[in-house]
Amino acid sequence: MTSVNTSLLQKSDGSAELLLGSTKVIASVTGPIEPKARQELPNQASLEILIRPAVGLATTREKLLEDKLRSLLQSIIVRFKYPRQLIQVVVQFLISDSKRTETDLVDYTSNDLNAAINCCYYALIDAGIALKASFVSLSIAVKNGNLTVNPTVYELAQSDSHHVICFNIEKGKANKILLLESQGDIKEDELFAMISKAVEEAEKVHHEQQRKFVKEKVENDYVWKQ
């Protein structure tokens, strides 16, 4: 199940709330704004990423997610369009299913990272930040050669390997891999099968969800022209 709401936060330039499976997250984008002196870059925008957990204070887990999200967004935002400016992205998890299970003491970050990436896409569009291309992220679990898209935390715990894969989308097609995070053991043929499946699913999400969202947003924002 996927649902998206945007323009929820009045004090940010763009915001989005995404429910993806059992994970619910809200992202806000502020900028371009004037940065602090230590953040300013002469030829492009600097990027500040903050991730806040659903419960408690941020730990090294959230710092790891911030680094992965920053690396991805730096490659997709047209940063040279905003020299000496700052773009701030804040991701707040409202509900997270990547909790510790009774049989496994590992915190799974796949679903959280996947939801954060996809939510940031809608928030950046809502804020009007220039992007080089659209992007779609997927969480996939592999068990005995069988692939599960958007797995539950139980399916992650039972899987042989699980992955977060993000593609940039150009002309409706998944053009290249922007991010691939994997945990567990996977055979070469299973890896290629997973990537092939992810390409199909990413293009499906783009055509059925992202394009529809952008079309409705443009129609609503420019309703005064009609």
Protein backbone atom coordinates (compact mmCIF):
# COMPACT_ATOMS: atom_id res chain seq x y z
CA MET A 1 0.00 0.00 0.00
CA THR A 2 1.34 3.42 -0.97
CA SER A 3 -0.20 6.80 -0.26
CA VAL A 4 1.30 10.28 -0.64
CA ASN A 5 0.24 13.69 0.67
CA THR A 6 2.19 16.87 -0.01
CA SER A 7 2.32 20.52 1.11
CA LEU A 8 1.58 19.55 4.70
CA LEU A 9 4.05 21.86 6.46
CA GLN A 10 3.46 25.58 6.05
CA LYS A 11 6.91 26.69 7.25
CA SER A 12 8.86 24.62 4.70
CA ASP A 13 9.17 25.14 0.95
CA GLY A 14 8.06 21.60 0.23
CA SER A 15 6.89 18.60 2.22
CA ALA A 16 5.52 15.12 1.70
CA GLU A 17 4.09 12.33 3.82
CA LEU A 18 4.50 8.79 2.51
CA LEU A 19 2.98 5.54 3.73
CA LEU A 20 4.84 2.59 2.20
CA GLY A 21 3.90 -0.78 3.60
CA SER A 22 4.12 -0.44 7.38
CA THR A 23 6.56 2.49 7.24
CA LYS A 24 5.27 6.05 7.46
CA VAL A 25 7.58 9.00 6.99
CA ILE A 26 7.35 12.75 6.45
CA ALA A 27 10.02 14.79 4.67
CA SER A 28 10.43 18.56 4.48
CA VAL A 29 12.60 20.60 2.14
CA THR A 30 13.70 24.13 2.95
CA GLY A 31 15.66 26.10 0.43
CA PRO A 32 17.50 27.36 -1.30
CA ILE A 33 18.32 29.52 1.73
CA GLU A 34 21.39 31.36 2.98
CA PRO A 35 23.84 28.91 4.56
CA LYS A 36 26.16 29.33 7.49
CA ALA A 37 29.68 30.38 6.54
CA ARG A 38 31.08 26.86 7.09
CA GLN A 39 28.39 25.37 4.81
CA GLU A 40 28.77 27.73 1.85
CA LEU A 41 30.12 26.36 -1.43
CA PRO A 42 31.13 28.89 -4.12
CA ASN A 43 29.84 27.06 -7.20
CA GLN A 44 26.91 24.96 -6.00
CA ALA A 45 24.38 24.44 -3.27
CA SER A 46 25.37 22.68 -0.08
CA LEU A 47 23.07 19.96 1.17
CA GLU A 48 22.07 19.32 4.79
CA ILE A 49 20.31 16.06 5.64
CA LEU A 50 18.69 15.38 9.02
CA ILE A 51 16.96 12.10 9.88
CA ARG A 52 14.92 11.68 13.04
CA PRO A 53 13.72 8.30 14.33
CA ALA A 54 10.13 7.48 15.22
CA VAL A 55 11.09 6.94 18.86
CA GLY A 56 13.95 8.37 20.88
CA LEU A 57 16.97 10.35 19.75
CA ALA A 58 19.06 9.97 16.62
CA THR A 59 21.92 7.47 16.86
CA THR A 60 24.64 6.22 14.54
CA ARG A 61 21.88 4.33 12.72
CA GLU A 62 20.30 7.60 11.60
CA LYS A 63 23.74 9.07 10.77
CA LEU A 64 24.36 6.12 8.46
CA LEU A 65 21.02 6.71 6.72
CA GLU A 66 21.85 10.41 6.41
CA ASP A 67 25.15 9.62 4.66
CA LYS A 68 23.46 7.28 2.17
CA LEU A 69 20.64 9.74 1.46
CA ARG A 70 23.08 12.65 1.07
CA SER A 71 25.19 10.70 -1.42
CA LEU A 72 22.09 9.94 -3.49
CA LEU A 73 20.57 13.44 -3.45
CA GLN A 74 23.89 15.10 -4.26
CA SER A 75 23.97 13.16 -7.51
CA ILE A 76 20.40 14.01 -8.56
CA ILE A 77 19.82 17.63 -7.49
CA VAL A 78 21.00 20.32 -9.95
CA ARG A 79 23.19 21.91 -7.32
CA PHE A 80 25.05 24.31 -9.64
CA LYS A 81 21.76 26.16 -10.13
CA TYR A 82 21.92 27.38 -6.52
CA PRO A 83 25.50 28.59 -5.84
CA ARG A 84 26.30 29.74 -2.30
CA GLN A 85 22.92 28.47 -1.09
CA LEU A 86 21.74 25.71 1.26
CA ILE A 87 19.08 23.07 0.71
CA GLN A 88 17.95 21.43 3.93
CA VAL A 89 16.11 18.10 3.94
CA VAL A 90 14.58 16.77 7.17
CA VAL A 91 13.16 13.26 7.33
CA GLN A 92 10.98 12.31 10.30
CA PHE A 93 9.87 8.72 10.70
CA LEU A 94 6.37 8.47 12.12
CA ILE A 95 6.00 4.67 11.99
CA SER A 96 8.87 2.27 11.38
CA ASP A 97 8.55 -1.49 10.96
CA SER A 98 12.34 -1.97 10.89
CA LYS A 99 12.42 -2.91 14.55
CA ARG A 100 14.17 -5.71 16.32
CA THR A 101 12.33 -9.02 16.17
CA GLU A 102 12.14 -11.60 18.93
CA THR A 103 14.36 -14.01 16.97
CA ASP A 104 16.81 -11.53 15.47
CA LEU A 105 18.59 -8.70 17.28
CA VAL A 106 19.49 -6.83 14.09
CA ASP A 107 17.90 -3.51 13.19
CA TYR A 108 16.91 -3.60 9.53
CA THR A 109 17.31 -0.29 7.74
CA SER A 110 16.14 -1.35 4.25
CA ASN A 111 12.50 -0.28 4.55
CA ASP A 112 13.39 2.96 6.33
CA LEU A 113 15.97 3.96 3.72
CA ASN A 114 13.63 3.01 0.88
CA ALA A 115 10.74 5.05 2.31
CA ALA A 116 13.00 8.05 3.02
CA ILE A 117 14.33 8.14 -0.55
CA ASN A 118 10.89 7.94 -2.13
CA CYS A 119 9.41 10.49 0.27
CA CYS A 120 12.26 12.92 -0.51
CA TYR A 121 11.39 12.72 -4.21
CA TYR A 122 7.86 14.01 -3.60
CA ALA A 123 9.06 16.67 -1.14
CA LEU A 124 11.68 17.95 -3.61
CA ILE A 125 9.07 18.14 -6.37
CA ASP A 126 6.73 19.97 -3.99
CA ALA A 127 9.51 22.46 -3.19
CA GLY A 128 10.29 23.05 -6.85
CA ILE A 129 13.94 22.00 -6.53
CA ALA A 130 15.55 21.31 -9.91
CA LEU A 131 16.38 17.63 -10.47
CA LYS A 132 18.44 16.02 -13.20
CA ALA A 133 15.86 13.23 -13.47
CA SER A 134 13.15 11.47 -11.52
CA PHE A 135 14.22 8.64 -9.24
CA VAL A 136 12.53 5.58 -7.75
CA SER A 137 13.73 3.39 -4.89
CA LEU A 138 12.70 -0.19 -4.09
CA SER A 139 13.26 -2.56 -1.18
CA ILE A 140 13.62 -6.19 -2.27
CA ALA A 141 14.14 -9.41 -0.28
CA VAL A 142 15.55 -12.60 -1.82
CA LYS A 143 14.71 -16.02 -0.35
CA ASN A 144 15.66 -19.24 -2.17
CA GLY A 145 15.68 -17.34 -5.46
CA ASN A 146 12.22 -15.83 -4.86
CA LEU A 147 11.93 -12.04 -4.90
CA THR A 148 9.67 -9.98 -2.65
CA VAL A 149 9.22 -6.26 -3.36
CA ASN A 150 8.57 -4.03 -0.33
CA PRO A 151 9.02 -6.89 2.19
CA THR A 152 7.86 -6.77 5.78
CA VAL A 153 10.41 -6.82 8.61
CA TYR A 154 9.60 -10.52 9.13
CA GLU A 155 10.36 -11.23 5.45
CA LEU A 156 13.62 -9.29 5.81
CA ALA A 157 14.60 -11.40 8.81
CA GLN A 158 13.84 -14.64 6.95
CA SER A 159 15.52 -13.65 3.67
CA ASP A 160 18.87 -14.82 2.35
CA SER A 161 19.64 -11.24 1.31
CA HIS A 162 17.82 -7.93 1.07
CA HIS A 163 18.51 -4.86 -0.99
CA VAL A 164 17.65 -1.21 -1.52
CA ILE A 165 18.07 -0.18 -5.13
CA CYS A 166 17.39 3.26 -6.62
CA PHE A 167 17.22 4.15 -10.31
CA ASN A 168 17.10 7.47 -12.09
CA ILE A 169 14.26 7.62 -14.60
CA GLU A 170 14.74 9.28 -17.99
CA LYS A 171 12.04 9.26 -20.67
CA GLY A 172 10.05 6.75 -18.63
CA LYS A 173 12.89 4.23 -18.42
CA ALA A 174 15.17 3.21 -15.56
CA ASN A 175 18.44 4.57 -16.93
CA LYS A 176 21.08 3.77 -14.32
CA ILE A 177 21.52 2.67 -10.73
CA LEU A 178 22.02 5.58 -8.34
CA LEU A 179 22.27 3.48 -5.18
CA LEU A 180 22.49 -0.22 -4.34
CA GLU A 181 22.72 -1.29 -0.71
CA SER A 182 22.80 -5.04 -0.05
CA GLN A 183 22.98 -7.27 3.01
CA GLY A 184 23.30 -11.05 3.08
CA ASP A 185 24.49 -13.66 0.60
CA ILE A 186 23.28 -13.64 -2.99
CA LYS A 187 24.34 -15.58 -6.08
CA GLU A 188 25.29 -13.81 -9.28
CA ASP A 189 22.23 -15.03 -11.20
CA GLU A 190 19.97 -13.99 -8.33
CA LEU A 191 21.55 -10.53 -8.31
CA PHE A 192 20.89 -10.02 -12.02
CA ALA A 193 17.34 -11.34 -11.61
CA MET A 194 16.80 -8.92 -8.72
CA ILE A 195 18.05 -5.95 -10.76
CA SER A 196 15.88 -6.95 -13.73
CA LYS A 197 12.82 -7.21 -11.48
CA ALA A 198 13.68 -3.87 -9.87
CA VAL A 199 13.85 -2.17 -13.30
CA GLU A 200 10.32 -3.36 -14.11
CA GLU A 201 8.94 -2.30 -10.74
CA ALA A 202 10.68 1.09 -10.81
CA GLU A 203 9.28 1.94 -14.24
CA LYS A 204 5.84 0.79 -13.06
CA VAL A 205 6.01 3.05 -9.99
CA HIS A 206 7.11 5.97 -12.14
CA HIS A 207 4.29 5.59 -14.67
CA GLU A 208 1.49 4.71 -12.25
CA GLN A 209 2.36 6.91 -9.27
CA GLN A 210 5.00 9.58 -9.89
CA ARG A 211 3.71 10.82 -13.25
CA LYS A 212 0.16 10.91 -11.90
CA PHE A 213 1.32 12.88 -8.86
CA VAL A 214 3.28 15.43 -10.92
CA LYS A 215 0.39 15.87 -13.37
CA GLU A 216 -2.10 16.53 -10.56
CA LYS A 217 0.29 18.91 -8.81
CA VAL A 218 0.82 20.99 -11.96
CA GLU A 219 -2.93 21.13 -12.58
CA ASN A 220 -3.59 22.25 -9.00
CA ASP A 221 -0.75 24.79 -8.86
CA TYR A 222 -1.76 26.43 -12.14
CA VAL A 223 -5.53 26.16 -11.78
CA TRP A 224 -5.68 29.99 -11.98
CA LYS A 225 -4.64 29.78 -15.64
CA GLN A 226 -7.74 27.84 -16.61
